[in-house]
Amino acid sequence: QVQLVESGGGLVQPGGSLRLSCAASGFTFSTYAMRWYRQAPRKERELVATITSAGDTRTYADSVKGRFTISRNNAKNTVYLQMNNLKPEDTAVYYCNTVPRSNWGQGTQVTVSS
């Protein structure tokens, strides 16, 4: 059974940085592309970033391009999201998932506020 455990969220000031982690288990991690999503209060969940199984291709939503970086370590079954120059509009619960989507984890809260 697919299990995804997100961590690394917190409260940060505008302009700050956070690194999110997603520990995966229950499937052959190295054969799946992975994605980060986020859901802000009263908004639909949106796709933030995608990375291929080998990590050689990455794509981003326009709203985070140039500020966020998705990466992965297949030896550790973990995908990361480095978030720099954070803005209040980045405040959301962040989730990772496989491609195609499987079970959702609990997510990790990111709050950007002064």
Protein backbone atom coordinates (compact mmCIF):
# COMPACT_ATOMS: atom_id res chain seq x y z
CA GLN A 1 0.00 0.00 0.00
CA VAL A 2 1.31 3.42 -0.97
CA GLN A 3 2.28 5.58 1.99
CA LEU A 4 3.42 9.17 1.68
CA VAL A 5 4.58 11.17 4.70
CA GLU A 6 5.23 14.87 4.22
CA SER A 7 7.29 16.96 6.64
CA GLY A 8 9.27 20.17 6.91
CA GLY A 9 6.51 22.76 6.95
CA GLY A 10 6.25 25.61 9.40
CA LEU A 11 5.87 29.34 9.90
CA VAL A 12 8.28 31.53 7.95
CA GLN A 13 8.53 35.23 7.18
CA PRO A 14 8.10 36.54 3.63
CA GLY A 15 11.34 36.08 1.73
CA GLY A 16 12.32 33.08 3.81
CA SER A 17 12.97 29.47 2.82
CA LEU A 18 11.76 26.01 3.72
CA ARG A 19 12.62 22.52 2.52
CA LEU A 20 9.82 20.00 2.44
CA SER A 21 10.39 16.25 2.40
CA CYS A 22 8.12 13.39 1.38
CA ALA A 23 9.06 9.90 2.50
CA ALA A 24 7.50 7.21 0.31
CA SER A 25 6.93 3.51 0.93
CA GLY A 26 4.84 0.62 -0.31
CA PHE A 27 5.84 0.87 -3.97
CA THR A 28 8.93 0.96 -6.19
CA PHE A 29 9.70 4.64 -5.74
CA SER A 30 12.41 4.85 -8.40
CA THR A 31 9.98 3.90 -11.17
CA TYR A 32 7.42 6.64 -10.49
CA ALA A 33 7.36 10.30 -11.38
CA MET A 34 6.40 12.37 -8.35
CA ARG A 35 4.52 15.60 -7.79
CA TRP A 36 4.03 18.25 -5.14
CA TYR A 37 0.59 19.84 -4.75
CA ARG A 38 -0.75 22.48 -2.41
CA GLN A 39 -4.15 23.51 -1.11
CA ALA A 40 -4.76 26.94 0.31
CA PRO A 41 -7.78 27.70 2.51
CA ARG A 42 -11.03 27.80 0.52
CA LYS A 43 -9.19 26.91 -2.70
CA GLU A 44 -8.84 23.79 -4.79
CA ARG A 45 -5.71 21.68 -4.62
CA GLU A 46 -3.21 22.78 -7.26
CA LEU A 47 -0.19 21.17 -8.88
CA VAL A 48 3.10 22.82 -7.90
CA ALA A 49 5.90 20.73 -9.38
CA THR A 50 6.65 17.42 -11.13
CA ILE A 51 9.84 15.37 -11.37
CA THR A 52 10.40 12.32 -13.56
CA SER A 53 11.40 8.96 -12.09
CA ALA A 54 15.09 9.50 -12.90
CA GLY A 55 14.98 13.14 -11.83
CA ASP A 56 16.10 14.40 -15.22
CA THR A 57 13.05 16.51 -16.04
CA ARG A 58 11.26 18.95 -13.73
CA THR A 59 8.29 21.19 -14.39
CA TYR A 60 6.72 23.92 -12.26
CA ALA A 61 3.60 25.99 -11.95
CA ASP A 62 4.14 29.53 -13.20
CA SER A 63 3.45 30.87 -9.72
CA VAL A 64 6.51 29.13 -8.23
CA LYS A 65 8.91 29.01 -11.19
CA GLY A 66 12.32 30.39 -10.27
CA ARG A 67 11.61 30.12 -6.52
CA PHE A 68 10.88 26.41 -5.89
CA THR A 69 13.02 23.39 -6.79
CA ILE A 70 11.80 19.80 -6.79
CA SER A 71 14.36 17.02 -6.34
CA ARG A 72 14.52 13.38 -5.31
CA ASN A 73 16.79 10.78 -3.78
CA ASN A 74 15.80 7.35 -5.08
CA ALA A 75 18.14 5.62 -2.63
CA LYS A 76 16.17 7.20 0.23
CA ASN A 77 12.71 6.95 -1.37
CA THR A 78 12.27 10.65 -0.75
CA VAL A 79 11.18 13.63 -2.82
CA TYR A 80 11.95 17.20 -1.76
CA LEU A 81 10.64 20.69 -2.42
CA GLN A 82 13.06 23.53 -1.76
CA MET A 83 11.08 26.75 -1.44
CA ASN A 84 12.89 30.09 -1.54
CA ASN A 85 11.69 33.69 -1.49
CA LEU A 86 8.41 32.59 0.02
CA LYS A 87 5.37 34.82 -0.30
CA PRO A 88 2.15 35.00 1.76
CA GLU A 89 0.28 33.49 -1.18
CA ASP A 90 2.38 30.33 -0.80
CA THR A 91 0.55 29.62 2.45
CA ALA A 92 -1.10 26.21 2.06
CA VAL A 93 -1.00 22.57 3.03
CA TYR A 94 1.56 20.86 0.80
CA TYR A 95 1.18 17.26 -0.37
CA CYS A 96 3.24 14.90 -2.49
CA ASN A 97 1.85 12.15 -4.69
CA THR A 98 2.77 9.68 -7.36
CA VAL A 99 2.06 9.91 -11.09
CA PRO A 100 -0.61 8.63 -11.58
CA ARG A 101 -2.07 9.69 -8.24
CA SER A 102 -2.47 7.28 -5.37
CA ASN A 103 -3.27 7.75 -1.69
CA TRP A 104 -2.87 11.21 -0.19
CA GLY A 105 -0.73 11.72 2.89
CA GLN A 106 -1.56 14.09 5.72
CA GLY A 107 0.31 16.99 4.15
CA THR A 108 2.50 19.58 5.84
CA GLN A 109 1.36 23.13 6.64
CA VAL A 110 3.36 26.05 5.29
CA THR A 111 2.47 29.50 6.61
CA VAL A 112 4.18 32.59 5.26
CA SER A 113 3.50 35.59 7.44
CA SER A 114 5.25 38.45 9.16
